[in-house]
PDB file of N, CA and C in Angstrom:
ATOM      1  N   MET A   1      91.384 203.789 207.648  1.00  0.00           N
ATOM      2  CA  MET A   1      92.423 203.564 208.617  1.00  0.00           C
ATOM      3  C   MET A   1      93.654 203.024 207.889  1.00  0.00           C
ATOM      4  N   LEU A   2      94.803 203.466 208.317  1.00  0.00           N
ATOM      5  CA  LEU A   2      96.039 202.963 207.733  1.00  0.00           C
ATOM      6  C   LEU A   2      96.372 201.600 208.318  1.00  0.00           C
ATOM      7  N   ASP A   3      96.844 200.701 207.457  1.00  0.00           N
ATOM      8  CA  ASP A   3      97.289 199.383 207.894  1.00  0.00           C
ATOM      9  C   ASP A   3      98.792 199.400 208.144  1.00  0.00           C
ATOM     10  N   HIS A   4      99.532 199.971 207.189  1.00  0.00           N
ATOM     11  CA  HIS A   4     100.976 200.107 207.343  1.00  0.00           C
ATOM     12  C   HIS A   4     101.504 201.113 206.343  1.00  0.00           C
ATOM     13  N   VAL A   5     102.723 201.592 206.602  1.00  0.00           N
ATOM     14  CA  VAL A   5     103.412 202.506 205.685  1.00  0.00           C
ATOM     15  C   VAL A   5     104.806 201.966 205.433  1.00  0.00           C
ATOM     16  N   GLY A   6     105.380 202.376 204.323  1.00  0.00           N
ATOM     17  CA  GLY A   6     106.720 201.915 203.986  1.00  0.00           C
ATOM     18  C   GLY A   6     107.510 202.981 203.260  1.00  0.00           C
ATOM     19  N   LEU A   7     108.812 202.892 203.420  1.00  0.00           N
ATOM     20  CA  LEU A   7     109.729 203.809 202.766  1.00  0.00           C
ATOM     21  C   LEU A   7     110.755 203.030 201.969  1.00  0.00           C
ATOM     22  N   ALA A   8     111.065 203.513 200.775  1.00  0.00           N
ATOM     23  CA  ALA A   8     112.193 202.964 200.019  1.00  0.00           C
ATOM     24  C   ALA A   8     113.454 203.602 200.580  1.00  0.00           C
ATOM     25  N   VAL A   9     114.456 202.781 200.840  1.00  0.00           N
ATOM     26  CA  VAL A   9     115.709 203.284 201.418  1.00  0.00           C
ATOM     27  C   VAL A   9     116.868 203.008 200.464  1.00  0.00           C
ATOM     28  N   SER A  10     117.880 203.857 200.538  1.00  0.00           N
ATOM     29  CA  SER A  10     119.006 203.728 199.612  1.00  0.00           C
ATOM     30  C   SER A  10     120.035 202.692 200.058  1.00  0.00           C
ATOM     31  N   ASP A  11     120.116 202.427 201.353  1.00  0.00           N
ATOM     32  CA  ASP A  11     121.055 201.446 201.889  1.00  0.00           C
ATOM     33  C   ASP A  11     120.293 200.625 202.921  1.00  0.00           C
ATOM     34  N   PHE A  12     119.796 199.464 202.506  1.00  0.00           N
ATOM     35  CA  PHE A  12     118.923 198.656 203.346  1.00  0.00           C
ATOM     36  C   PHE A  12     119.582 198.276 204.668  1.00  0.00           C
ATOM     37  N   ALA A  13     120.796 197.772 204.639  1.00  0.00           N
ATOM     38  CA  ALA A  13     121.471 197.336 205.866  1.00  0.00           C
ATOM     39  C   ALA A  13     121.649 198.503 206.840  1.00  0.00           C
ATOM     40  N   ARG A  14     122.075 199.635 206.326  1.00  0.00           N
ATOM     41  CA  ARG A  14     122.268 200.814 207.180  1.00  0.00           C
ATOM     42  C   ARG A  14     120.937 201.265 207.786  1.00  0.00           C
ATOM     43  N   SER A  15     119.898 201.315 206.960  1.00  0.00           N
ATOM     44  CA  SER A  15     118.591 201.767 207.446  1.00  0.00           C
ATOM     45  C   SER A  15     117.981 200.763 208.425  1.00  0.00           C
ATOM     46  N   ARG A  16     118.161 199.466 208.162  1.00  0.00           N
ATOM     47  CA  ARG A  16     117.653 198.449 209.083  1.00  0.00           C
ATOM     48  C   ARG A  16     118.310 198.610 210.450  1.00  0.00           C
ATOM     49  N   ALA A  17     119.619 198.808 210.465  1.00  0.00           N
ATOM     50  CA  ALA A  17     120.340 199.012 211.727  1.00  0.00           C
ATOM     51  C   ALA A  17     119.874 200.292 212.429  1.00  0.00           C
ATOM     52  N   PHE A  18     119.701 201.365 211.666  1.00  0.00           N
ATOM     53  CA  PHE A  18     119.244 202.631 212.237  1.00  0.00           C
ATOM     54  C   PHE A  18     117.878 202.474 212.900  1.00  0.00           C
ATOM     55  N   TYR A  19     116.903 201.949 212.157  1.00  0.00           N
ATOM     56  CA  TYR A  19     115.555 201.835 212.707  1.00  0.00           C
ATOM     57  C   TYR A  19     115.476 200.813 213.841  1.00  0.00           C
ATOM     58  N   THR A  20     116.287 199.763 213.775  1.00  0.00           N
ATOM     59  CA  THR A  20     116.317 198.791 214.873  1.00  0.00           C
ATOM     60  C   THR A  20     116.704 199.487 216.173  1.00  0.00           C
ATOM     61  N   GLN A  21     117.723 200.302 216.119  1.00  0.00           N
ATOM     62  CA  GLN A  21     118.190 201.009 217.308  1.00  0.00           C
ATOM     63  C   GLN A  21     117.248 202.148 217.697  1.00  0.00           C
ATOM     64  N   ALA A  22     116.811 202.928 216.737  1.00  0.00           N
ATOM     65  CA  ALA A  22     115.998 204.109 217.032  1.00  0.00           C
ATOM     66  C   ALA A  22     114.610 203.758 217.562  1.00  0.00           C
ATOM     67  N   LEU A  23     114.026 202.666 217.088  1.00  0.00           N
ATOM     68  CA  LEU A  23     112.664 202.316 217.488  1.00  0.00           C
ATOM     69  C   LEU A  23     112.593 201.430 218.726  1.00  0.00           C
ATOM     70  N   ALA A  24     113.727 200.859 219.125  1.00  0.00           N
ATOM     71  CA  ALA A  24     113.757 199.965 220.295  1.00  0.00           C
ATOM     72  C   ALA A  24     113.174 200.612 221.557  1.00  0.00           C
ATOM     73  N   PRO A  25     113.483 201.874 221.861  1.00  0.00           N
ATOM     74  CA  PRO A  25     112.911 202.477 223.071  1.00  0.00           C
ATOM     75  C   PRO A  25     111.378 202.572 223.033  1.00  0.00           C
ATOM     76  N   LEU A  26     110.805 202.493 221.856  1.00  0.00           N
ATOM     77  CA  LEU A  26     109.349 202.551 221.706  1.00  0.00           C
ATOM     78  C   LEU A  26     108.713 201.166 221.745  1.00  0.00           C
ATOM     79  N   GLY A  27     109.540 200.145 221.942  1.00  0.00           N
ATOM     80  CA  GLY A  27     109.031 198.777 221.960  1.00  0.00           C
ATOM     81  C   GLY A  27     108.727 198.239 220.581  1.00  0.00           C
ATOM     82  N   ILE A  28     109.336 198.829 219.566  1.00  0.00           N
ATOM     83  CA  ILE A  28     109.111 198.438 218.170  1.00  0.00           C
ATOM     84  C   ILE A  28     110.371 197.733 217.674  1.00  0.00           C
ATOM     85  N   ALA A  29     110.173 196.570 217.037  1.00  0.00           N
ATOM     86  CA  ALA A  29     111.294 195.766 216.540  1.00  0.00           C
ATOM     87  C   ALA A  29     110.911 195.142 215.201  1.00  0.00           C
ATOM     88  N   VAL A  30     111.898 194.560 214.529  1.00  0.00           N
ATOM     89  CA  VAL A  30     111.618 193.822 213.298  1.00  0.00           C
ATOM     90  C   VAL A  30     110.777 192.601 213.664  1.00  0.00           C
ATOM     91  N   VAL A  31     109.606 192.493 213.048  1.00  0.00           N
ATOM     92  CA  VAL A  31     108.732 191.345 213.310  1.00  0.00           C
ATOM     93  C   VAL A  31     108.520 190.495 212.058  1.00  0.00           C
ATOM     94  N   MET A  32     108.966 191.005 210.896  1.00  0.00           N
ATOM     95  CA  MET A  32     108.810 190.245 209.658  1.00  0.00           C
ATOM     96  C   MET A  32     109.817 190.744 208.624  1.00  0.00           C
ATOM     97  N   GLU A  33     110.386 189.815 207.878  1.00  0.00           N
ATOM     98  CA  GLU A  33     111.251 190.186 206.764  1.00  0.00           C
ATOM     99  C   GLU A  33     110.787 189.436 205.530  1.00  0.00           C
ATOM    100  N   VAL A  34     110.820 190.116 204.397  1.00  0.00           N
ATOM    101  CA  VAL A  34     110.417 189.534 203.123  1.00  0.00           C
ATOM    102  C   VAL A  34     111.576 189.719 202.161  1.00  0.00           C
ATOM    103  N   GLY A  35     112.018 188.631 201.564  1.00  0.00           N
ATOM    104  CA  GLY A  35     113.176 188.671 200.688  1.00  0.00           C
ATOM    105  C   GLY A  35     112.840 188.986 199.249  1.00  0.00           C
ATOM    106  N   PRO A  36     113.871 189.152 198.452  1.00  0.00           N
ATOM    107  CA  PRO A  36     113.715 189.485 197.044  1.00  0.00           C
ATOM    108  C   PRO A  36     112.875 188.486 196.260  1.00  0.00           C
ATOM    109  N   GLU A  37     112.904 187.215 196.645  1.00  0.00           N
ATOM    110  CA  GLU A  37     112.137 186.202 195.919  1.00  0.00           C
ATOM    111  C   GLU A  37     110.635 186.416 196.031  1.00  0.00           C
ATOM    112  N   SER A  38     110.175 187.117 197.061  1.00  0.00           N
ATOM    113  CA  SER A  38     108.746 187.364 197.260  1.00  0.00           C
ATOM    114  C   SER A  38     108.297 188.730 196.773  1.00  0.00           C
ATOM    115  N   THR A  39     109.237 189.636 196.559  1.00  0.00           N
ATOM    116  CA  THR A  39     108.865 191.013 196.245  1.00  0.00           C
ATOM    117  C   THR A  39     109.214 191.441 194.830  1.00  0.00           C
ATOM    118  N   GLY A  40     109.863 190.585 194.104  1.00  0.00           N
ATOM    119  CA  GLY A  40     110.276 190.975 192.772  1.00  0.00           C
ATOM    120  C   GLY A  40     111.652 191.599 192.728  1.00  0.00           C
ATOM    121  N   GLY A  41     112.471 191.340 193.735  1.00  0.00           N
ATOM    122  CA  GLY A  41     113.851 191.770 193.649  1.00  0.00           C
ATOM    123  C   GLY A  41     114.385 192.636 194.759  1.00  0.00           C
ATOM    124  N   THR A  42     113.577 192.981 195.766  1.00  0.00           N
ATOM    125  CA  THR A  42     114.073 193.837 196.838  1.00  0.00           C
ATOM    126  C   THR A  42     113.797 193.210 198.206  1.00  0.00           C
ATOM    127  N   ALA A  43     114.633 193.549 199.175  1.00  0.00           N
ATOM    128  CA  ALA A  43     114.458 193.069 200.547  1.00  0.00           C
ATOM    129  C   ALA A  43     113.648 194.092 201.333  1.00  0.00           C
ATOM    130  N   HIS A  44     112.822 193.597 202.257  1.00  0.00           N
ATOM    131  CA  HIS A  44     111.998 194.464 203.097  1.00  0.00           C
ATOM    132  C   HIS A  44     112.035 193.977 204.534  1.00  0.00           C
ATOM    133  N   ALA A  45     111.968 194.917 205.469  1.00  0.00           N
ATOM    134  CA  ALA A  45     111.867 194.593 206.889  1.00  0.00           C
ATOM    135  C   ALA A  45     110.669 195.335 207.455  1.00  0.00           C
ATOM    136  N   GLY A  46     109.819 194.600 208.173  1.00  0.00           N
ATOM    137  CA  GLY A  46     108.633 195.182 208.799  1.00  0.00           C
ATOM    138  C   GLY A  46     108.835 195.317 210.294  1.00  0.00           C
ATOM    139  N   PHE A  47     108.728 196.534 210.777  1.00  0.00           N
ATOM    140  CA  PHE A  47     108.857 196.818 212.205  1.00  0.00           C
ATOM    141  C   PHE A  47     107.459 196.931 212.808  1.00  0.00           C
ATOM    142  N   GLY A  48     107.313 196.436 214.040  1.00  0.00           N
ATOM    143  CA  GLY A  48     106.027 196.547 214.699  1.00  0.00           C
ATOM    144  C   GLY A  48     106.071 196.007 216.103  1.00  0.00           C
ATOM    145  N   ARG A  49     104.890 195.671 216.592  1.00  0.00           N
ATOM    146  CA  ARG A  49     104.719 195.107 217.935  1.00  0.00           C
ATOM    147  C   ARG A  49     103.777 193.922 217.849  1.00  0.00           C
ATOM    148  N   ALA A  50     103.922 193.006 218.775  1.00  0.00           N
ATOM    149  CA  ALA A  50     103.010 191.864 218.912  1.00  0.00           C
ATOM    150  C   ALA A  50     102.825 191.118 217.591  1.00  0.00           C
ATOM    151  N   GLY A  51     103.898 191.015 216.810  1.00  0.00           N
ATOM    152  CA  GLY A  51     103.841 190.266 215.573  1.00  0.00           C
ATOM    153  C   GLY A  51     103.198 190.981 214.397  1.00  0.00           C
ATOM    154  N   LYS A  52     102.751 192.229 214.558  1.00  0.00           N
ATOM    155  CA  LYS A  52     102.087 192.975 213.482  1.00  0.00           C
ATOM    156  C   LYS A  52     103.004 194.083 212.984  1.00  0.00           C
ATOM    157  N   PRO A  53     103.550 193.921 211.757  1.00  0.00           N
ATOM    158  CA  PRO A  53     104.378 194.997 211.199  1.00  0.00           C
ATOM    159  C   PRO A  53     103.505 196.154 210.710  1.00  0.00           C
ATOM    160  N   PHE A  54     103.911 197.370 211.043  1.00  0.00           N
ATOM    161  CA  PHE A  54     103.156 198.538 210.578  1.00  0.00           C
ATOM    162  C   PHE A  54     104.053 199.622 209.986  1.00  0.00           C
ATOM    163  N   PHE A  55     105.362 199.431 210.090  1.00  0.00           N
ATOM    164  CA  PHE A  55     106.308 200.358 209.480  1.00  0.00           C
ATOM    165  C   PHE A  55     107.345 199.530 208.733  1.00  0.00           C
ATOM    166  N   TRP A  56     107.408 199.723 207.431  1.00  0.00           N
ATOM    167  CA  TRP A  56     108.287 198.913 206.577  1.00  0.00           C
ATOM    168  C   TRP A  56     109.360 199.786 205.936  1.00  0.00           C
ATOM    169  N   ILE A  57     110.523 199.161 205.751  1.00  0.00           N
ATOM    170  CA  ILE A  57     111.547 199.764 204.900  1.00  0.00           C
ATOM    171  C   ILE A  57     111.866 198.746 203.812  1.00  0.00           C
ATOM    172  N   GLY A  58     112.193 199.267 202.634  1.00  0.00           N
ATOM    173  CA  GLY A  58     112.509 198.379 201.528  1.00  0.00           C
ATOM    174  C   GLY A  58     113.675 198.890 200.722  1.00  0.00           C
ATOM    175  N   ASP A  59     114.525 197.956 200.335  1.00  0.00           N
ATOM    176  CA  ASP A  59     115.668 198.273 199.487  1.00  0.00           C
ATOM    177  C   ASP A  59     115.121 198.613 198.113  1.00  0.00           C
ATOM    178  N   GLY A  60     115.322 199.823 197.687  1.00  0.00           N
ATOM    179  CA  GLY A  60     114.760 200.170 196.390  1.00  0.00           C
ATOM    180  C   GLY A  60     115.075 201.574 195.977  1.00  0.00           C
ATOM    181  N   GLY A  61     114.346 202.005 195.021  1.00  0.00           N
ATOM    182  CA  GLY A  61     114.513 203.334 194.481  1.00  0.00           C
ATOM    183  C   GLY A  61     113.253 203.719 193.755  1.00  0.00           C
ATOM    184  N   PRO A  62     113.343 204.615 192.824  1.00  0.00           N
ATOM    185  CA  PRO A  62     112.168 205.115 192.129  1.00  0.00           C
ATOM    186  C   PRO A  62     111.325 204.023 191.465  1.00  0.00           C
ATOM    187  N   ALA A  63     111.943 202.958 191.011  1.00  0.00           N
ATOM    188  CA  ALA A  63     111.184 201.900 190.345  1.00  0.00           C
ATOM    189  C   ALA A  63     110.225 201.202 191.305  1.00  0.00           C
ATOM    190  N   HIS A  64     110.499 201.298 192.605  1.00  0.00           N
ATOM    191  CA  HIS A  64     109.663 200.636 193.592  1.00  0.00           C
ATOM    192  C   HIS A  64     108.823 201.629 194.373  1.00  0.00           C
ATOM    193  N   GLY A  65     108.757 202.872 193.944  1.00  0.00           N
ATOM    194  CA  GLY A  65     107.997 203.890 194.648  1.00  0.00           C
ATOM    195  C   GLY A  65     108.764 204.354 195.873  1.00  0.00           C
ATOM    196  N   GLY A  66     108.725 205.626 196.144  1.00  0.00           N
ATOM    197  CA  GLY A  66     109.437 206.129 197.304  1.00  0.00           C
ATOM    198  C   GLY A  66     108.663 205.923 198.586  1.00  0.00           C
ATOM    199  N   THR A  67     107.355 205.986 198.500  1.00  0.00           N
ATOM    200  CA  THR A  67     106.491 205.870 199.668  1.00  0.00           C
ATOM    201  C   THR A  67     105.446 204.804 199.389  1.00  0.00           C
ATOM    202  N   HIS A  68     105.142 204.039 200.423  1.00  0.00           N
ATOM    203  CA  HIS A  68     104.099 203.010 200.320  1.00  0.00           C
ATOM    204  C   HIS A  68     103.114 203.234 201.459  1.00  0.00           C
ATOM    205  N   VAL A  69     101.837 203.305 201.119  1.00  0.00           N
ATOM    206  CA  VAL A  69     100.784 203.444 202.114  1.00  0.00           C
ATOM    207  C   VAL A  69      99.744 202.369 201.840  1.00  0.00           C
ATOM    208  N   ALA A  70      99.408 201.589 202.873  1.00  0.00           N
ATOM    209  CA  ALA A  70      98.374 200.557 202.747  1.00  0.00           C
ATOM    210  C   ALA A  70      97.175 200.959 203.597  1.00  0.00           C
ATOM    211  N   ILE A  71      96.008 200.905 202.995  1.00  0.00           N
ATOM    212  CA  ILE A  71      94.766 201.304 203.641  1.00  0.00           C
ATOM    213  C   ILE A  71      93.909 200.060 203.848  1.00  0.00           C
ATOM    214  N   VAL A  72      93.319 199.951 205.028  1.00  0.00           N
ATOM    215  CA  VAL A  72      92.495 198.794 205.375  1.00  0.00           C
ATOM    216  C   VAL A  72      91.209 198.802 204.564  1.00  0.00           C
ATOM    217  N   ALA A  73      90.887 197.653 203.986  1.00  0.00           N
ATOM    218  CA  ALA A  73      89.604 197.438 203.320  1.00  0.00           C
ATOM    219  C   ALA A  73      88.808 196.438 204.148  1.00  0.00           C
ATOM    220  N   ASP A  74      87.491 196.599 204.158  1.00  0.00           N
ATOM    221  CA  ASP A  74      86.629 195.705 204.935  1.00  0.00           C
ATOM    222  C   ASP A  74      86.362 194.381 204.243  1.00  0.00           C
ATOM    223  N   SER A  75      86.600 194.334 202.925  1.00  0.00           N
ATOM    224  CA  SER A  75      86.317 193.103 202.185  1.00  0.00           C
ATOM    225  C   SER A  75      87.222 193.018 200.967  1.00  0.00           C
ATOM    226  N   ARG A  76      87.295 191.839 200.416  1.00  0.00           N
ATOM    227  CA  ARG A  76      88.055 191.651 199.183  1.00  0.00           C
ATOM    228  C   ARG A  76      87.401 192.396 198.030  1.00  0.00           C
ATOM    229  N   ALA A  77      86.083 192.493 198.060  1.00  0.00           N
ATOM    230  CA  ALA A  77      85.373 193.244 197.019  1.00  0.00           C
ATOM    231  C   ALA A  77      85.785 194.715 197.046  1.00  0.00           C
ATOM    232  N   GLN A  78      86.003 195.263 198.228  1.00  0.00           N
ATOM    233  CA  GLN A  78      86.472 196.650 198.316  1.00  0.00           C
ATOM    234  C   GLN A  78      87.874 196.797 197.741  1.00  0.00           C
ATOM    235  N   VAL A  79      88.722 195.805 197.961  1.00  0.00           N
ATOM    236  CA  VAL A  79      90.071 195.833 197.380  1.00  0.00           C
ATOM    237  C   VAL A  79      89.962 195.854 195.858  1.00  0.00           C
ATOM    238  N   ASP A  80      89.121 194.980 195.317  1.00  0.00           N
ATOM    239  CA  ASP A  80      88.919 194.934 193.869  1.00  0.00           C
ATOM    240  C   ASP A  80      88.407 196.281 193.342  1.00  0.00           C
ATOM    241  N   ALA A  81      87.416 196.859 194.052  1.00  0.00           N
ATOM    242  CA  ALA A  81      86.824 198.126 193.623  1.00  0.00           C
ATOM    243  C   ALA A  81      87.845 199.258 193.689  1.00  0.00           C
ATOM    244  N   PHE A  82      88.668 199.268 194.736  1.00  0.00           N
ATOM    245  CA  PHE A  82      89.737 200.264 194.846  1.00  0.00           C
ATOM    246  C   PHE A  82      90.658 200.194 193.636  1.00  0.00           C
ATOM    247  N   HIS A  83      91.114 198.987 193.312  1.00  0.00           N
ATOM    248  CA  HIS A  83      92.058 198.814 192.200  1.00  0.00           C
ATOM    249  C   HIS A  83      91.444 199.323 190.904  1.00  0.00           C
ATOM    250  N   HIS A  84      90.215 198.941 190.640  1.00  0.00           N
ATOM    251  CA  HIS A  84      89.525 199.369 189.414  1.00  0.00           C
ATOM    252  C   HIS A  84      89.394 200.894 189.382  1.00  0.00           C
ATOM    253  N   ALA A  85      88.919 201.481 190.483  1.00  0.00           N
ATOM    254  CA  ALA A  85      88.712 202.929 190.534  1.00  0.00           C
ATOM    255  C   ALA A  85      90.024 203.689 190.376  1.00  0.00           C
ATOM    256  N   ALA A  86      91.082 203.182 191.012  1.00  0.00           N
ATOM    257  CA  ALA A  86      92.380 203.857 190.929  1.00  0.00           C
ATOM    258  C   ALA A  86      92.919 203.842 189.503  1.00  0.00           C
ATOM    259  N   LEU A  87      92.738 202.719 188.807  1.00  0.00           N
ATOM    260  CA  LEU A  87      93.187 202.658 187.409  1.00  0.00           C
ATOM    261  C   LEU A  87      92.358 203.594 186.537  1.00  0.00           C
ATOM    262  N   GLN A  88      91.061 203.656 186.788  1.00  0.00           N
ATOM    263  CA  GLN A  88      90.194 204.557 186.031  1.00  0.00           C
ATOM    264  C   GLN A  88      90.552 206.022 186.285  1.00  0.00           C
ATOM    265  N   ALA A  89      91.080 206.298 187.472  1.00  0.00           N
ATOM    266  CA  ALA A  89      91.452 207.672 187.833  1.00  0.00           C
ATOM    267  C   ALA A  89      92.839 208.058 187.327  1.00  0.00           C
ATOM    268  N   GLY A  90      93.514 207.143 186.644  1.00  0.00           N
ATOM    269  CA  GLY A  90      94.815 207.458 186.071  1.00  0.00           C
ATOM    270  C   GLY A  90      95.989 206.803 186.772  1.00  0.00           C
ATOM    271  N   GLY A  91      95.729 205.971 187.781  1.00  0.00           N
ATOM    272  CA  GLY A  91      96.806 205.247 188.440  1.00  0.00           C
ATOM    273  C   GLY A  91      97.356 204.156 187.535  1.00  0.00           C
ATOM    274  N   ARG A  92      98.531 203.664 187.883  1.00  0.00           N
ATOM    275  CA  ARG A  92      99.161 202.576 187.132  1.00  0.00           C
ATOM    276  C   ARG A  92      99.185 201.317 187.992  1.00  0.00           C
ATOM    277  N   ASP A  93      98.853 200.198 187.383  1.00  0.00           N
ATOM    278  CA  ASP A  93      98.832 198.930 188.098  1.00  0.00           C
ATOM    279  C   ASP A  93     100.215 198.614 188.653  1.00  0.00           C
ATOM    280  N   ASN A  94     100.241 198.200 189.927  1.00  0.00           N
ATOM    281  CA  ASN A  94     101.495 197.787 190.546  1.00  0.00           C
ATOM    282  C   ASN A  94     101.306 196.460 191.279  1.00  0.00           C
ATOM    283  N   GLY A  95     100.231 195.761 190.953  1.00  0.00           N
ATOM    284  CA  GLY A  95      99.922 194.476 191.575  1.00  0.00           C
ATOM    285  C   GLY A  95      98.423 194.273 191.632  1.00  0.00           C
ATOM    286  N   ALA A  96      97.901 193.433 190.759  1.00  0.00           N
ATOM    287  CA  ALA A  96      96.459 193.189 190.679  1.00  0.00           C
ATOM    288  C   ALA A  96      95.919 192.610 191.980  1.00  0.00           C
ATOM    289  N   PRO A  97      94.627 192.767 192.223  1.00  0.00           N
ATOM    290  CA  PRO A  97      94.026 192.199 193.429  1.00  0.00           C
ATOM    291  C   PRO A  97      94.266 190.695 193.512  1.00  0.00           C
ATOM    292  N   GLY A  98      94.607 190.236 194.703  1.00  0.00           N
ATOM    293  CA  GLY A  98      94.805 188.809 194.899  1.00  0.00           C
ATOM    294  C   GLY A  98      95.411 188.502 196.248  1.00  0.00           C
ATOM    295  N   LEU A  99      95.438 187.217 196.550  1.00  0.00           N
ATOM    296  CA  LEU A  99      96.051 186.751 197.793  1.00  0.00           C
ATOM    297  C   LEU A  99      97.561 186.883 197.712  1.00  0.00           C
ATOM    298  N   ARG A 100      98.169 187.253 198.822  1.00  0.00           N
ATOM    299  CA  ARG A 100      99.625 187.310 198.955  1.00  0.00           C
ATOM    300  C   ARG A 100     100.005 186.420 200.145  1.00  0.00           C
ATOM    301  N   PRO A 101      99.982 185.090 199.970  1.00  0.00           N
ATOM    302  CA  PRO A 101     100.211 184.184 201.101  1.00  0.00           C
ATOM    303  C   PRO A 101     101.615 184.272 201.684  1.00  0.00           C
ATOM    304  N   HIS A 102     102.567 184.876 200.974  1.00  0.00           N
ATOM    305  CA  HIS A 102     103.896 185.050 201.550  1.00  0.00           C
ATOM    306  C   HIS A 102     103.876 186.091 202.670  1.00  0.00           C
ATOM    307  N   TYR A 103     102.821 186.890 202.782  1.00  0.00           N
ATOM    308  CA  TYR A 103     102.648 187.797 203.927  1.00  0.00           C
ATOM    309  C   TYR A 103     101.889 187.065 205.036  1.00  0.00           C
ATOM    310  N   HIS A 104     100.714 186.540 204.714  1.00  0.00           N
ATOM    311  CA  HIS A 104      99.985 185.595 205.564  1.00  0.00           C
ATOM    312  C   HIS A 104      98.838 185.033 204.734  1.00  0.00           C
ATOM    313  N   GLU A 105      98.246 183.940 205.183  1.00  0.00           N
ATOM    314  CA  GLU A 105      97.325 183.184 204.332  1.00  0.00           C
ATOM    315  C   GLU A 105      96.092 183.953 203.889  1.00  0.00           C
ATOM    316  N   ASN A 106      95.649 184.959 204.619  1.00  0.00           N
ATOM    317  CA  ASN A 106      94.444 185.700 204.248  1.00  0.00           C
ATOM    318  C   ASN A 106      94.738 187.095 203.714  1.00  0.00           C
ATOM    319  N   TYR A 107      95.989 187.395 203.441  1.00  0.00           N
ATOM    320  CA  TYR A 107      96.374 188.731 202.976  1.00  0.00           C
ATOM    321  C   TYR A 107      95.912 188.910 201.528  1.00  0.00           C
ATOM    322  N   TYR A 108      94.927 189.782 201.321  1.00  0.00           N
ATOM    323  CA  TYR A 108      94.380 190.047 199.998  1.00  0.00           C
ATOM    324  C   TYR A 108      94.583 191.526 199.720  1.00  0.00           C
ATOM    325  N   GLY A 109      95.414 191.827 198.747  1.00  0.00           N
ATOM    326  CA  GLY A 109      95.737 193.221 198.486  1.00  0.00           C
ATOM    327  C   GLY A 109      95.813 193.548 197.009  1.00  0.00           C
ATOM    328  N   ALA A 110      95.806 194.833 196.732  1.00  0.00           N
ATOM    329  CA  ALA A 110      95.993 195.352 195.375  1.00  0.00           C
ATOM    330  C   ALA A 110      96.827 196.618 195.481  1.00  0.00           C
ATOM    331  N   PHE A 111      97.691 196.837 194.491  1.00  0.00           N
ATOM    332  CA  PHE A 111      98.642 197.934 194.516  1.00  0.00           C
ATOM    333  C   PHE A 111      98.526 198.773 193.250  1.00  0.00           C
ATOM    334  N   VAL A 112      98.590 200.092 193.418  1.00  0.00           N
ATOM    335  CA  VAL A 112      98.630 201.013 192.276  1.00  0.00           C
ATOM    336  C   VAL A 112      99.681 202.087 192.559  1.00  0.00           C
ATOM    337  N   LEU A 113     100.234 202.623 191.495  1.00  0.00           N
ATOM    338  CA  LEU A 113     101.103 203.785 191.610  1.00  0.00           C
ATOM    339  C   LEU A 113     100.260 205.009 191.303  1.00  0.00           C
ATOM    340  N   ASP A 114     100.279 205.986 192.207  1.00  0.00           N
ATOM    341  CA  ASP A 114      99.510 207.210 191.990  1.00  0.00           C
ATOM    342  C   ASP A 114     100.231 208.080 190.956  1.00  0.00           C
ATOM    343  N   PRO A 115      99.670 209.233 190.582  1.00  0.00           N
ATOM    344  CA  PRO A 115     100.309 210.063 189.553  1.00  0.00           C
ATOM    345  C   PRO A 115     101.736 210.495 189.874  1.00  0.00           C
ATOM    346  N   ASP A 116     102.113 210.486 191.154  1.00  0.00           N
ATOM    347  CA  ASP A 116     103.475 210.857 191.534  1.00  0.00           C
ATOM    348  C   ASP A 116     104.371 209.652 191.768  1.00  0.00           C
ATOM    349  N   GLY A 117     103.858 208.454 191.527  1.00  0.00           N
ATOM    350  CA  GLY A 117     104.661 207.252 191.665  1.00  0.00           C
ATOM    351  C   GLY A 117     104.649 206.617 193.040  1.00  0.00           C
ATOM    352  N   HIS A 118     103.801 207.115 193.953  1.00  0.00           N
ATOM    353  CA  HIS A 118     103.698 206.505 195.278  1.00  0.00           C
ATOM    354  C   HIS A 118     102.903 205.208 195.177  1.00  0.00           C
ATOM    355  N   ASN A 119     103.344 204.196 195.905  1.00  0.00           N
ATOM    356  CA  ASN A 119     102.730 202.870 195.878  1.00  0.00           C
ATOM    357  C   ASN A 119     101.598 202.830 196.906  1.00  0.00           C
ATOM    358  N   ILE A 120     100.360 202.820 196.432  1.00  0.00           N
ATOM    359  CA  ILE A 120      99.185 202.843 197.299  1.00  0.00           C
ATOM    360  C   ILE A 120      98.516 201.473 197.225  1.00  0.00           C
ATOM    361  N   GLU A 121      98.167 200.946 198.383  1.00  0.00           N
ATOM    362  CA  GLU A 121      97.604 199.600 198.480  1.00  0.00           C
ATOM    363  C   GLU A 121      96.302 199.626 199.263  1.00  0.00           C
ATOM    364  N   ALA A 122      95.383 198.772 198.877  1.00  0.00           N
ATOM    365  CA  ALA A 122      94.229 198.443 199.717  1.00  0.00           C
ATOM    366  C   ALA A 122      94.425 196.995 200.130  1.00  0.00           C
ATOM    367  N   VAL A 123      94.176 196.681 201.412  1.00  0.00           N
ATOM    368  CA  VAL A 123      94.414 195.341 201.918  1.00  0.00           C
ATOM    369  C   VAL A 123      93.294 194.907 202.844  1.00  0.00           C
ATOM    370  N   CYS A 124      92.897 193.647 202.678  1.00  0.00           N
ATOM    371  CA  CYS A 124      91.923 193.015 203.558  1.00  0.00           C
ATOM    372  C   CYS A 124      92.597 191.793 204.170  1.00  0.00           C
ATOM    373  N   HIS A 125      92.528 191.693 205.495  1.00  0.00           N
ATOM    374  CA  HIS A 125      93.166 190.570 206.203  1.00  0.00           C
ATOM    375  C   HIS A 125      92.153 189.495 206.593  1.00  0.00           C
ATOM    376  N   ARG A 126      90.892 189.715 206.313  1.00  0.00           N
ATOM    377  CA  ARG A 126      89.837 188.821 206.780  1.00  0.00           C
ATOM    378  C   ARG A 126      89.691 187.594 205.876  1.00  0.00           C
ATOM    379  N   ALA A 127      89.546 186.435 206.490  1.00  0.00           N
ATOM    380  CA  ALA A 127      89.344 185.203 205.735  1.00  0.00           C
ATOM    381  C   ALA A 127      87.920 185.098 205.198  1.00  0.00           C
ATOM    382  N   ASP A 128      86.989 185.728 205.872  1.00  0.00           N
ATOM    383  CA  ASP A 128      85.571 185.611 205.523  1.00  0.00           C
ATOM    384  C   ASP A 128      85.070 186.743 204.645  1.00  0.00           C
ATOM    385  N   ALA A 129      85.980 187.500 204.083  1.00  0.00           N
ATOM    386  CA  ALA A 129      85.576 188.674 203.304  1.00  0.00           C
ATOM    387  C   ALA A 129      85.667 188.373 201.839  1.00  0.00           C
TER     388      ALA A 129
END
């Protein structure tokens, strides 16, 4: 199951304004923003409902991957196994498995770049996993 998706945008302010207006009729709004200090240099806005962001845009370019897809993992061990398997399959590390408390206290994720440079993540939100 997909947890969230993200797109790198060329003009963050313009894209944030566009998606804010375009998604409003669907009941989707910005529910979370992450600044450059947490991401390694780029701003991100998460759109969603009921406090859960599921569509992200990020100020970036090829260095940050054009597309980001996060897949739900049932446990932290699965996140670790995903990262290991992806690297063995030829992926490039884009963030080792670990907690990302700047997203929320139980956010445990790992990131790899696939052969085409897409940022693929496995994430577990469970505290007991």
